[in-house]
Amino acid sequence: MKNYKKLKIWQKGMDIVAMTYTLAAQLPDEERYGLRSQVTRCSVSIPSNIAEGSAKSSRKEYKNYLETSLGSAYELETQVLIMDMLEFGDKAVRSSLLGMLDEEQKMLQSFIQKIGE
């Protein structure tokens, strides 16, 4: 897939990045180099790996990048659940982001299965 920008998984990943930065801005200052840094890097990894994988010549390589993207989605979900537990940031933003992540994970899993065939 050469035009990754048309993929819904990439578009959703970009939306996740924007929502994550909104939530990260609400974190306490003492989390600047901890949770805030971790969640933003993690969110950026989702669409970045989809894009990078699309440039690979083999399905196996592409699938590996998609799996890395999926792993980042699960990692980010865990971090948002930690924020939820600690009541960091706006509850509605956390809830919305968790919903987006659930949808992205399902779409990535489906796409990975399709690529692996």
C-alpha atoms as a PDB file:
ATOM      1  CA  MET A   1       0.000   0.000   0.000  1.00  0.00           C
ATOM      2  CA  LYS A   2       1.824   3.065  -1.205  1.00  0.00           C
ATOM      3  CA  ASN A   3      -0.726   5.751  -0.321  1.00  0.00           C
ATOM      4  CA  TYR A   4      -0.920   5.239   3.438  1.00  0.00           C
ATOM      5  CA  LYS A   5      -2.744   8.575   3.873  1.00  0.00           C
ATOM      6  CA  LYS A   6      -5.890   6.994   2.438  1.00  0.00           C
ATOM      7  CA  LEU A   7      -5.881   4.208   5.025  1.00  0.00           C
ATOM      8  CA  LYS A   8      -8.515   4.617   7.739  1.00  0.00           C
ATOM      9  CA  ILE A   9      -6.077   3.120  10.253  1.00  0.00           C
ATOM     10  CA  TRP A  10      -3.566   5.881   9.512  1.00  0.00           C
ATOM     11  CA  GLN A  11      -6.242   8.620   9.619  1.00  0.00           C
ATOM     12  CA  LYS A  12      -7.586   7.304  12.944  1.00  0.00           C
ATOM     13  CA  GLY A  13      -3.995   7.127  14.216  1.00  0.00           C
ATOM     14  CA  MET A  14      -3.539  10.811  13.422  1.00  0.00           C
ATOM     15  CA  ASP A  15      -6.758  11.628  15.299  1.00  0.00           C
ATOM     16  CA  ILE A  16      -5.411   9.650  18.264  1.00  0.00           C
ATOM     17  CA  VAL A  17      -2.223  11.746  18.207  1.00  0.00           C
ATOM     18  CA  ALA A  18      -4.248  14.976  18.357  1.00  0.00           C
ATOM     19  CA  MET A  19      -6.453  13.706  21.198  1.00  0.00           C
ATOM     20  CA  THR A  20      -3.411  12.406  23.098  1.00  0.00           C
ATOM     21  CA  TYR A  21      -1.697  15.794  22.920  1.00  0.00           C
ATOM     22  CA  THR A  22      -4.889  17.401  24.241  1.00  0.00           C
ATOM     23  CA  LEU A  23      -4.891  15.018  27.189  1.00  0.00           C
ATOM     24  CA  ALA A  24      -1.129  15.278  27.748  1.00  0.00           C
ATOM     25  CA  ALA A  25      -1.421  19.058  28.056  1.00  0.00           C
ATOM     26  CA  GLN A  26      -3.715  18.495  31.040  1.00  0.00           C
ATOM     27  CA  LEU A  27      -1.186  16.422  32.977  1.00  0.00           C
ATOM     28  CA  PRO A  28       0.574  17.882  36.025  1.00  0.00           C
ATOM     29  CA  ASP A  29       3.897  19.625  35.362  1.00  0.00           C
ATOM     30  CA  GLU A  30       5.782  16.953  37.307  1.00  0.00           C
ATOM     31  CA  GLU A  31       4.714  14.447  34.618  1.00  0.00           C
ATOM     32  CA  ARG A  32       6.420  16.425  31.820  1.00  0.00           C
ATOM     33  CA  TYR A  33       9.296  13.921  31.519  1.00  0.00           C
ATOM     34  CA  GLY A  34       7.312  10.912  32.674  1.00  0.00           C
ATOM     35  CA  LEU A  35       3.822  10.065  31.579  1.00  0.00           C
ATOM     36  CA  ARG A  36       3.406  13.077  29.278  1.00  0.00           C
ATOM     37  CA  SER A  37       6.525  12.220  27.294  1.00  0.00           C
ATOM     38  CA  GLN A  38       5.617   8.537  27.168  1.00  0.00           C
ATOM     39  CA  VAL A  39       2.040   9.001  25.915  1.00  0.00           C
ATOM     40  CA  THR A  40       2.961  11.488  23.215  1.00  0.00           C
ATOM     41  CA  ARG A  41       5.798   9.326  21.861  1.00  0.00           C
ATOM     42  CA  CYS A  42       3.579   6.285  21.984  1.00  0.00           C
ATOM     43  CA  SER A  43       0.710   7.972  20.129  1.00  0.00           C
ATOM     44  CA  VAL A  44       3.025   9.258  17.395  1.00  0.00           C
ATOM     45  CA  SER A  45       4.318   5.714  16.939  1.00  0.00           C
ATOM     46  CA  ILE A  46       0.899   4.457  15.816  1.00  0.00           C
ATOM     47  CA  PRO A  47       0.508   6.336  12.493  1.00  0.00           C
ATOM     48  CA  SER A  48       4.280   6.577  11.995  1.00  0.00           C
ATOM     49  CA  ASN A  49       4.707   2.804  11.864  1.00  0.00           C
ATOM     50  CA  ILE A  50       1.726   2.462   9.529  1.00  0.00           C
ATOM     51  CA  ALA A  51       3.358   4.985   7.187  1.00  0.00           C
ATOM     52  CA  GLU A  52       6.843   3.491   7.433  1.00  0.00           C
ATOM     53  CA  GLY A  53       5.566  -0.031   6.895  1.00  0.00           C
ATOM     54  CA  SER A  54       3.767   0.990   3.722  1.00  0.00           C
ATOM     55  CA  ALA A  55       7.155   1.650   2.109  1.00  0.00           C
ATOM     56  CA  LYS A  56       8.362  -1.918   2.670  1.00  0.00           C
ATOM     57  CA  SER A  57       8.481  -4.266  -0.275  1.00  0.00           C
ATOM     58  CA  SER A  58       7.342  -7.462   1.441  1.00  0.00           C
ATOM     59  CA  ARG A  59       4.099  -8.287   3.219  1.00  0.00           C
ATOM     60  CA  LYS A  60       6.066  -9.761   6.109  1.00  0.00           C
ATOM     61  CA  GLU A  61       7.933  -6.494   6.724  1.00  0.00           C
ATOM     62  CA  TYR A  62       4.736  -4.472   6.363  1.00  0.00           C
ATOM     63  CA  LYS A  63       2.976  -6.764   8.832  1.00  0.00           C
ATOM     64  CA  ASN A  64       5.806  -6.283  11.355  1.00  0.00           C
ATOM     65  CA  TYR A  65       5.358  -2.501  11.235  1.00  0.00           C
ATOM     66  CA  LEU A  66       1.597  -2.863  11.620  1.00  0.00           C
ATOM     67  CA  GLU A  67       2.151  -5.118  14.621  1.00  0.00           C
ATOM     68  CA  THR A  68       4.452  -2.497  16.147  1.00  0.00           C
ATOM     69  CA  SER A  69       1.712   0.077  15.601  1.00  0.00           C
ATOM     70  CA  LEU A  70      -0.788  -2.236  17.309  1.00  0.00           C
ATOM     71  CA  GLY A  71       1.608  -2.704  20.216  1.00  0.00           C
ATOM     72  CA  SER A  72       1.882   1.071  20.582  1.00  0.00           C
ATOM     73  CA  ALA A  73      -1.926   1.317  20.609  1.00  0.00           C
ATOM     74  CA  TYR A  74      -2.105  -1.192  23.467  1.00  0.00           C
ATOM     75  CA  GLU A  75       0.712   0.575  25.300  1.00  0.00           C
ATOM     76  CA  LEU A  76      -1.068   3.920  24.960  1.00  0.00           C
ATOM     77  CA  GLU A  77      -4.316   2.363  26.158  1.00  0.00           C
ATOM     78  CA  THR A  78      -2.549   1.144  29.296  1.00  0.00           C
ATOM     79  CA  GLN A  79      -1.104   4.596  29.926  1.00  0.00           C
ATOM     80  CA  VAL A  80      -4.518   6.241  29.519  1.00  0.00           C
ATOM     81  CA  LEU A  81      -5.973   3.673  31.941  1.00  0.00           C
ATOM     82  CA  ILE A  82      -3.240   4.707  34.397  1.00  0.00           C
ATOM     83  CA  MET A  83      -4.268   8.348  33.911  1.00  0.00           C
ATOM     84  CA  ASP A  84      -7.853   7.278  34.496  1.00  0.00           C
ATOM     85  CA  MET A  85      -6.889   5.504  37.712  1.00  0.00           C
ATOM     86  CA  LEU A  86      -4.963   8.581  38.895  1.00  0.00           C
ATOM     87  CA  GLU A  87      -7.708  10.918  37.644  1.00  0.00           C
ATOM     88  CA  PHE A  88      -5.272  12.932  35.508  1.00  0.00           C
ATOM     89  CA  GLY A  89      -6.881  15.100  32.831  1.00  0.00           C
ATOM     90  CA  ASP A  90     -10.464  15.510  31.771  1.00  0.00           C
ATOM     91  CA  LYS A  91     -12.549  12.355  32.182  1.00  0.00           C
ATOM     92  CA  ALA A  92     -14.450  12.943  28.908  1.00  0.00           C
ATOM     93  CA  VAL A  93     -11.176  13.264  26.967  1.00  0.00           C
ATOM     94  CA  ARG A  94      -9.810  10.077  28.555  1.00  0.00           C
ATOM     95  CA  SER A  95     -13.018   8.224  27.743  1.00  0.00           C
ATOM     96  CA  SER A  96     -13.064   9.467  24.153  1.00  0.00           C
ATOM     97  CA  LEU A  97      -9.420   8.508  23.653  1.00  0.00           C
ATOM     98  CA  LEU A  98     -10.023   5.020  25.054  1.00  0.00           C
ATOM     99  CA  GLY A  99     -12.897   4.571  22.597  1.00  0.00           C
ATOM    100  CA  MET A 100     -10.726   5.704  19.696  1.00  0.00           C
ATOM    101  CA  LEU A 101      -7.961   3.324  20.766  1.00  0.00           C
ATOM    102  CA  ASP A 102     -10.375   0.395  20.954  1.00  0.00           C
ATOM    103  CA  GLU A 103     -11.561   1.095  17.420  1.00  0.00           C
ATOM    104  CA  GLU A 104      -7.987   1.523  16.140  1.00  0.00           C
ATOM    105  CA  GLN A 105      -6.899  -1.763  17.720  1.00  0.00           C
ATOM    106  CA  LYS A 106      -9.758  -3.641  16.058  1.00  0.00           C
ATOM    107  CA  MET A 107      -9.061  -2.045  12.680  1.00  0.00           C
ATOM    108  CA  LEU A 108      -5.338  -2.801  12.942  1.00  0.00           C
ATOM    109  CA  GLN A 109      -5.967  -6.426  13.916  1.00  0.00           C
ATOM    110  CA  SER A 110      -8.282  -6.856  10.939  1.00  0.00           C
ATOM    111  CA  PHE A 111      -5.795  -5.221   8.559  1.00  0.00           C
ATOM    112  CA  ILE A 112      -2.935  -7.333   9.897  1.00  0.00           C
ATOM    113  CA  GLN A 113      -4.952 -10.484   9.223  1.00  0.00           C
ATOM    114  CA  LYS A 114      -5.701  -9.264   5.693  1.00  0.00           C
ATOM    115  CA  ILE A 115      -2.013  -8.496   5.013  1.00  0.00           C
ATOM    116  CA  GLY A 116      -0.925 -11.857   6.426  1.00  0.00           C
ATOM    117  CA  GLU A 117      -3.020 -13.824   3.949  1.00  0.00           C
END
